[in-house]
C-alpha atoms as a PDB file:
ATOM      1  CA  UNK A   1      10.108  31.622   5.565  1.00  0.00           C
ATOM      2  CA  UNK A   2       8.681  31.694   1.874  1.00  0.00           C
ATOM      3  CA  UNK A   3       9.508  28.309   1.379  1.00  0.00           C
ATOM      4  CA  UNK A   4       7.363  27.209   3.965  1.00  0.00           C
ATOM      5  CA  UNK A   5       3.749  25.701   3.471  1.00  0.00           C
ATOM      6  CA  UNK A   6       1.778  28.356   5.392  1.00  0.00           C
ATOM      7  CA  UNK A   7      -0.932  26.359   6.569  1.00  0.00           C
ATOM      8  CA  UNK A   8      -0.777  23.935   9.551  1.00  0.00           C
ATOM      9  CA  UNK A   9       2.665  26.007  10.965  1.00  0.00           C
ATOM     10  CA  UNK A  10       3.842  23.765  13.670  1.00  0.00           C
ATOM     11  CA  UNK A  11       4.794  24.926  17.591  1.00  0.00           C
ATOM     12  CA  UNK A  12       8.551  25.061  18.434  1.00  0.00           C
ATOM     13  CA  UNK A  13       8.954  24.023  21.557  1.00  0.00           C
ATOM     14  CA  UNK A  14      12.523  25.777  22.859  1.00  0.00           C
ATOM     15  CA  UNK A  15      13.737  23.416  25.959  1.00  0.00           C
ATOM     16  CA  UNK A  16      16.691  24.745  27.558  1.00  0.00           C
ATOM     17  CA  UNK A  17      18.245  25.416  31.237  1.00  0.00           C
ATOM     18  CA  UNK A  18      19.765  28.715  30.141  1.00  0.00           C
ATOM     19  CA  UNK A  19      17.456  31.368  30.220  1.00  0.00           C
ATOM     20  CA  UNK A  20      19.413  33.875  28.283  1.00  0.00           C
ATOM     21  CA  UNK A  21      19.867  31.414  25.182  1.00  0.00           C
ATOM     22  CA  UNK A  22      16.541  30.341  25.845  1.00  0.00           C
ATOM     23  CA  UNK A  23      15.252  33.629  24.936  1.00  0.00           C
ATOM     24  CA  UNK A  24      17.614  34.012  22.420  1.00  0.00           C
ATOM     25  CA  UNK A  25      15.624  31.409  20.264  1.00  0.00           C
ATOM     26  CA  UNK A  26      12.064  32.411  21.719  1.00  0.00           C
ATOM     27  CA  UNK A  27      13.007  35.695  19.664  1.00  0.00           C
ATOM     28  CA  UNK A  28      14.265  34.036  16.497  1.00  0.00           C
ATOM     29  CA  UNK A  29      10.905  31.712  16.246  1.00  0.00           C
ATOM     30  CA  UNK A  30       8.758  34.552  16.938  1.00  0.00           C
ATOM     31  CA  UNK A  31      10.806  36.235  14.090  1.00  0.00           C
ATOM     32  CA  UNK A  32       9.320  33.710  11.919  1.00  0.00           C
ATOM     33  CA  UNK A  33       6.126  34.039  12.766  1.00  0.00           C
ATOM     34  CA  UNK A  34       5.690  31.139  14.036  1.00  0.00           C
ATOM     35  CA  UNK A  35       4.335  30.063  17.496  1.00  0.00           C
ATOM     36  CA  UNK A  36       7.186  29.384  20.547  1.00  0.00           C
ATOM     37  CA  UNK A  37       6.630  27.223  24.500  1.00  0.00           C
ATOM     38  CA  UNK A  38       9.578  27.507  26.136  1.00  0.00           C
ATOM     39  CA  UNK A  39      10.881  25.439  29.047  1.00  0.00           C
ATOM     40  CA  UNK A  40      13.482  25.659  31.360  1.00  0.00           C
ATOM     41  CA  UNK A  41      14.256  21.955  31.231  1.00  0.00           C
ATOM     42  CA  UNK A  42      13.437  18.630  30.020  1.00  0.00           C
ATOM     43  CA  UNK A  43      11.215  17.358  32.811  1.00  0.00           C
ATOM     44  CA  UNK A  44       9.441  21.012  32.452  1.00  0.00           C
ATOM     45  CA  UNK A  45       8.903  19.928  28.697  1.00  0.00           C
ATOM     46  CA  UNK A  46       8.243  16.249  29.631  1.00  0.00           C
ATOM     47  CA  UNK A  47       5.481  17.399  32.177  1.00  0.00           C
ATOM     48  CA  UNK A  48       3.885  20.253  30.341  1.00  0.00           C
ATOM     49  CA  UNK A  49       3.833  18.989  27.066  1.00  0.00           C
ATOM     50  CA  UNK A  50       0.503  17.378  25.152  1.00  0.00           C
ATOM     51  CA  UNK A  51       1.491  15.581  22.871  1.00  0.00           C
ATOM     52  CA  UNK A  52      -0.211  18.248  20.490  1.00  0.00           C
ATOM     53  CA  UNK A  53       1.111  18.252  16.239  1.00  0.00           C
ATOM     54  CA  UNK A  54       1.732  20.077  14.466  1.00  0.00           C
ATOM     55  CA  UNK A  55       4.762  20.776  16.660  1.00  0.00           C
ATOM     56  CA  UNK A  56       8.924  21.167  16.546  1.00  0.00           C
ATOM     57  CA  UNK A  57      11.762  21.231  19.526  1.00  0.00           C
ATOM     58  CA  UNK A  58      14.638  23.464  19.529  1.00  0.00           C
ATOM     59  CA  UNK A  59      17.127  21.216  22.498  1.00  0.00           C
ATOM     60  CA  UNK A  60      19.963  22.256  24.164  1.00  0.00           C
ATOM     61  CA  UNK A  61      22.319  19.016  24.749  1.00  0.00           C
ATOM     62  CA  UNK A  62      23.989  19.947  28.091  1.00  0.00           C
ATOM     63  CA  UNK A  63      21.123  20.647  30.944  1.00  0.00           C
ATOM     64  CA  UNK A  64      20.884  19.803  34.835  1.00  0.00           C
ATOM     65  CA  UNK A  65      19.074  16.531  34.981  1.00  0.00           C
ATOM     66  CA  UNK A  66      18.084  15.105  32.054  1.00  0.00           C
ATOM     67  CA  UNK A  67      19.894  16.435  28.871  1.00  0.00           C
ATOM     68  CA  UNK A  68      19.205  16.661  25.523  1.00  0.00           C
ATOM     69  CA  UNK A  69      19.952  13.418  24.409  1.00  0.00           C
ATOM     70  CA  UNK A  70      18.100  11.861  27.212  1.00  0.00           C
ATOM     71  CA  UNK A  71      15.210  14.409  26.319  1.00  0.00           C
ATOM     72  CA  UNK A  72      15.094  13.030  22.781  1.00  0.00           C
ATOM     73  CA  UNK A  73      15.378   9.306  23.855  1.00  0.00           C
ATOM     74  CA  UNK A  74      12.546   9.402  26.414  1.00  0.00           C
ATOM     75  CA  UNK A  75      10.221  11.082  23.402  1.00  0.00           C
ATOM     76  CA  UNK A  76      11.266   8.291  21.347  1.00  0.00           C
ATOM     77  CA  UNK A  77       9.680   5.580  23.784  1.00  0.00           C
ATOM     78  CA  UNK A  78       7.065   7.906  24.304  1.00  0.00           C
ATOM     79  CA  UNK A  79       6.040   7.372  20.371  1.00  0.00           C
ATOM     80  CA  UNK A  80       6.644  11.097  19.951  1.00  0.00           C
ATOM     81  CA  UNK A  81       8.121  12.030  17.149  1.00  0.00           C
ATOM     82  CA  UNK A  82       8.724  15.730  16.158  1.00  0.00           C
ATOM     83  CA  UNK A  83      11.716  16.960  14.334  1.00  0.00           C
ATOM     84  CA  UNK A  84      14.522  17.929  17.065  1.00  0.00           C
ATOM     85  CA  UNK A  85      16.990  20.871  16.785  1.00  0.00           C
ATOM     86  CA  UNK A  86      19.588  20.258  18.936  1.00  0.00           C
ATOM     87  CA  UNK A  87      22.117  22.725  20.376  1.00  0.00           C
ATOM     88  CA  UNK A  88      25.458  21.151  21.843  1.00  0.00           C
ATOM     89  CA  UNK A  89      28.501  22.812  22.821  1.00  0.00           C
ATOM     90  CA  UNK A  90      30.428  19.714  21.751  1.00  0.00           C
ATOM     91  CA  UNK A  91      29.823  17.534  19.373  1.00  0.00           C
ATOM     92  CA  UNK A  92      30.949  13.828  20.616  1.00  0.00           C
ATOM     93  CA  UNK A  93      30.285  11.433  18.649  1.00  0.00           C
ATOM     94  CA  UNK A  94      28.281   8.650  20.528  1.00  0.00           C
ATOM     95  CA  UNK A  95      25.879  11.518  21.750  1.00  0.00           C
ATOM     96  CA  UNK A  96      25.794  12.520  17.803  1.00  0.00           C
ATOM     97  CA  UNK A  97      24.844   8.770  17.333  1.00  0.00           C
ATOM     98  CA  UNK A  98      22.129   8.941  20.077  1.00  0.00           C
ATOM     99  CA  UNK A  99      20.500  12.221  19.273  1.00  0.00           C
ATOM    100  CA  UNK A 100      20.008  11.037  15.546  1.00  0.00           C
ATOM    101  CA  UNK A 101      19.143   7.725  15.968  1.00  0.00           C
ATOM    102  CA  UNK A 102      16.603   9.056  18.455  1.00  0.00           C
ATOM    103  CA  UNK A 103      14.861  11.702  16.115  1.00  0.00           C
ATOM    104  CA  UNK A 104      17.412  14.269  15.493  1.00  0.00           C
ATOM    105  CA  UNK A 105      17.156  15.815  12.117  1.00  0.00           C
ATOM    106  CA  UNK A 106      20.543  18.099  12.779  1.00  0.00           C
ATOM    107  CA  UNK A 107      23.083  19.235  15.325  1.00  0.00           C
ATOM    108  CA  UNK A 108      24.006  22.761  15.668  1.00  0.00           C
ATOM    109  CA  UNK A 109      28.036  23.444  17.900  1.00  0.00           C
ATOM    110  CA  UNK A 110      27.785  26.402  19.843  1.00  0.00           C
ATOM    111  CA  UNK A 111      28.276  29.177  18.873  1.00  0.00           C
ATOM    112  CA  UNK A 112      25.883  29.105  16.279  1.00  0.00           C
ATOM    113  CA  UNK A 113      24.748  32.125  14.163  1.00  0.00           C
ATOM    114  CA  UNK A 114      21.041  32.958  13.734  1.00  0.00           C
ATOM    115  CA  UNK A 115      21.085  32.299  10.033  1.00  0.00           C
ATOM    116  CA  UNK A 116      22.126  28.741  10.713  1.00  0.00           C
ATOM    117  CA  UNK A 117      19.812  28.067  13.772  1.00  0.00           C
ATOM    118  CA  UNK A 118      17.235  29.707  11.277  1.00  0.00           C
ATOM    119  CA  UNK A 119      17.788  27.236   8.731  1.00  0.00           C
ATOM    120  CA  UNK A 120      17.542  24.524  11.220  1.00  0.00           C
ATOM    121  CA  UNK A 121      14.500  25.069  12.712  1.00  0.00           C
ATOM    122  CA  UNK A 122      13.197  25.936   8.383  1.00  0.00           C
ATOM    123  CA  UNK A 123      14.225  22.499   7.804  1.00  0.00           C
ATOM    124  CA  UNK A 124      12.620  20.923  11.058  1.00  0.00           C
ATOM    125  CA  UNK A 125       9.367  22.914   9.967  1.00  0.00           C
ATOM    126  CA  UNK A 126       9.246  21.363   6.621  1.00  0.00           C
ATOM    127  CA  UNK A 127       9.667  17.563   7.358  1.00  0.00           C
ATOM    128  CA  UNK A 128       6.823  18.159  10.305  1.00  0.00           C
ATOM    129  CA  UNK A 129       4.534  19.571   7.535  1.00  0.00           C
ATOM    130  CA  UNK A 130       5.828  16.696   5.101  1.00  0.00           C
ATOM    131  CA  UNK A 131       5.015  14.050   7.993  1.00  0.00           C
ATOM    132  CA  UNK A 132       1.608  15.477   8.600  1.00  0.00           C
ATOM    133  CA  UNK A 133       0.752  15.074   5.189  1.00  0.00           C
ATOM    134  CA  UNK A 134       2.144  11.402   5.050  1.00  0.00           C
ATOM    135  CA  UNK A 135      -0.166  11.066   7.745  1.00  0.00           C
ATOM    136  CA  UNK A 136      -2.812  12.509   6.297  1.00  0.00           C
ATOM    137  CA  UNK A 137      -2.638  10.567   3.015  1.00  0.00           C
ATOM    138  CA  UNK A 138      -2.399   7.186   4.606  1.00  0.00           C
ATOM    139  CA  UNK A 139      -5.558   8.103   6.844  1.00  0.00           C
ATOM    140  CA  UNK A 140      -7.087   8.566   3.953  1.00  0.00           C
ATOM    141  CA  UNK A 141      -6.052   4.957   2.305  1.00  0.00           C
ATOM    142  CA  UNK A 142      -6.961   3.700   5.116  1.00  0.00           C
ATOM    143  CA  UNK A 143     -10.717   5.047   4.786  1.00  0.00           C
ATOM    144  CA  UNK A 144     -10.786   4.263   0.981  1.00  0.00           C
ATOM    145  CA  UNK A 145      -9.509   0.492   1.778  1.00  0.00           C
ATOM    146  CA  UNK A 146     -11.960   0.493   4.423  1.00  0.00           C
ATOM    147  CA  UNK A 147     -15.068   1.015   2.208  1.00  0.00           C
ATOM    148  CA  UNK A 148     -14.674  -2.454   0.328  1.00  0.00           C
ATOM    149  CA  UNK A 149     -16.540  -5.050   1.597  1.00  0.00           C
ATOM    150  CA  UNK A 150     -15.081  -8.820   1.967  1.00  0.00           C
ATOM    151  CA  UNK A 151     -15.873 -10.188  -1.733  1.00  0.00           C
ATOM    152  CA  UNK A 152     -13.938  -6.828  -3.669  1.00  0.00           C
ATOM    153  CA  UNK A 153     -11.111  -7.012  -0.898  1.00  0.00           C
ATOM    154  CA  UNK A 154     -10.200 -10.353  -2.322  1.00  0.00           C
ATOM    155  CA  UNK A 155     -10.400  -9.055  -5.874  1.00  0.00           C
ATOM    156  CA  UNK A 156      -8.094  -6.065  -5.117  1.00  0.00           C
ATOM    157  CA  UNK A 157      -5.443  -8.122  -3.201  1.00  0.00           C
ATOM    158  CA  UNK A 158      -5.032 -10.211  -6.313  1.00  0.00           C
ATOM    159  CA  UNK A 159      -5.302  -7.828  -8.385  1.00  0.00           C
ATOM    160  CA  UNK A 160      -2.468  -5.559  -6.367  1.00  0.00           C
ATOM    161  CA  UNK A 161      -0.850  -8.740  -6.774  1.00  0.00           C
ATOM    162  CA  UNK A 162      -0.816  -8.432 -10.373  1.00  0.00           C
ATOM    163  CA  UNK A 163      -3.451 -11.336 -12.105  1.00  0.00           C
ATOM    164  CA  UNK A 164      -4.969 -10.894 -14.648  1.00  0.00           C
ATOM    165  CA  UNK A 165      -9.383 -10.641 -14.528  1.00  0.00           C
ATOM    166  CA  UNK A 166      -9.572 -14.260 -15.833  1.00  0.00           C
ATOM    167  CA  UNK A 167      -7.244 -15.737 -12.692  1.00  0.00           C
ATOM    168  CA  UNK A 168      -8.566 -13.990 -10.332  1.00  0.00           C
ATOM    169  CA  UNK A 169     -12.051 -15.384 -11.082  1.00  0.00           C
ATOM    170  CA  UNK A 170     -10.247 -18.784 -11.592  1.00  0.00           C
ATOM    171  CA  UNK A 171      -9.003 -18.400  -7.902  1.00  0.00           C
ATOM    172  CA  UNK A 172     -11.620 -17.056  -6.634  1.00  0.00           C
ATOM    173  CA  UNK A 173     -14.198 -19.686  -8.435  1.00  0.00           C
ATOM    174  CA  UNK A 174     -16.304 -17.143  -9.711  1.00  0.00           C
ATOM    175  CA  UNK A 175     -17.453 -16.056 -12.916  1.00  0.00           C
ATOM    176  CA  UNK A 176     -16.002 -13.643 -15.659  1.00  0.00           C
ATOM    177  CA  UNK A 177     -18.047 -10.788 -15.528  1.00  0.00           C
ATOM    178  CA  UNK A 178     -18.560 -11.031 -11.391  1.00  0.00           C
ATOM    179  CA  UNK A 179     -15.042 -10.137 -11.374  1.00  0.00           C
ATOM    180  CA  UNK A 180     -14.789  -7.681 -13.605  1.00  0.00           C
ATOM    181  CA  UNK A 181     -17.457  -5.689 -12.194  1.00  0.00           C
ATOM    182  CA  UNK A 182     -16.013  -5.814  -8.849  1.00  0.00           C
ATOM    183  CA  UNK A 183     -12.903  -4.644 -10.196  1.00  0.00           C
ATOM    184  CA  UNK A 184     -15.086  -1.727 -11.892  1.00  0.00           C
ATOM    185  CA  UNK A 185     -16.339  -1.447  -8.284  1.00  0.00           C
ATOM    186  CA  UNK A 186     -13.495  -0.724  -6.634  1.00  0.00           C
ATOM    187  CA  UNK A 187     -11.918   1.595  -8.640  1.00  0.00           C
ATOM    188  CA  UNK A 188     -14.667   3.899  -8.002  1.00  0.00           C
ATOM    189  CA  UNK A 189     -14.974   3.524  -4.635  1.00  0.00           C
ATOM    190  CA  UNK A 190     -11.528   3.757  -4.626  1.00  0.00           C
ATOM    191  CA  UNK A 191     -11.925   6.872  -7.098  1.00  0.00           C
ATOM    192  CA  UNK A 192      -8.973   5.745  -9.016  1.00  0.00           C
ATOM    193  CA  UNK A 193      -8.201   5.311 -12.707  1.00  0.00           C
ATOM    194  CA  UNK A 194      -6.075   1.935 -12.883  1.00  0.00           C
ATOM    195  CA  UNK A 195      -4.917  -0.807 -11.094  1.00  0.00           C
ATOM    196  CA  UNK A 196      -1.273   0.915 -10.705  1.00  0.00           C
ATOM    197  CA  UNK A 197      -3.395   3.646  -8.461  1.00  0.00           C
ATOM    198  CA  UNK A 198      -4.908   1.145  -6.471  1.00  0.00           C
ATOM    199  CA  UNK A 199      -1.406  -0.218  -5.879  1.00  0.00           C
ATOM    200  CA  UNK A 200      -0.299   3.513  -4.820  1.00  0.00           C
ATOM    201  CA  UNK A 201      -3.388   3.529  -2.112  1.00  0.00           C
ATOM    202  CA  UNK A 202      -3.128  -0.118  -1.150  1.00  0.00           C
ATOM    203  CA  UNK A 203       0.572   0.615   0.096  1.00  0.00           C
ATOM    204  CA  UNK A 204       0.098   3.523   1.879  1.00  0.00           C
ATOM    205  CA  UNK A 205      -3.036   2.006   3.489  1.00  0.00           C
ATOM    206  CA  UNK A 206      -1.194  -1.564   4.481  1.00  0.00           C
ATOM    207  CA  UNK A 207      -4.049  -3.562   5.304  1.00  0.00           C
ATOM    208  CA  UNK A 208      -3.448  -6.329   7.020  1.00  0.00           C
END
């Protein structure tokens, strides 16, 4: 756990119909100093999970009712994109493809050792932290872009296209000094020093 960022550690959701197997994973997660919730079925998880993040999942593949692959696909359809580790007794190709497409980051075949399972959980935790950080950056980029008024947005769009101030002035039928002033205001509002940094924020925000 030393390589994992200590802030915003996710809750690990363990889904397995076998009580003994489920408890083994729960104890492993607790030994990693991570919060854990357990569920006896996929349906149990669907009914109880409120979408709160950060979160990761460890699920068995073969379960009565909705199996692990179907659970992964259901979560994808619900727009829930948490990292998932799936444990399976037999990783056939079709199920593996479905699981990976649905969002599983790794499949671990039984019998699996604690070291292998721990590694899978750590990878899921790391990915969830990276995803949340990216979400934070996107939200901040959108907030910054939202501070620009309409005229500044017009200039910013052309700056992102790589146009020079003189060309922008001609395109917008404005004076060069006006464009230079707006460019300066844009960089100040976005708290950047260059057009290259502006482009990075623009791409993150992906404004329409």
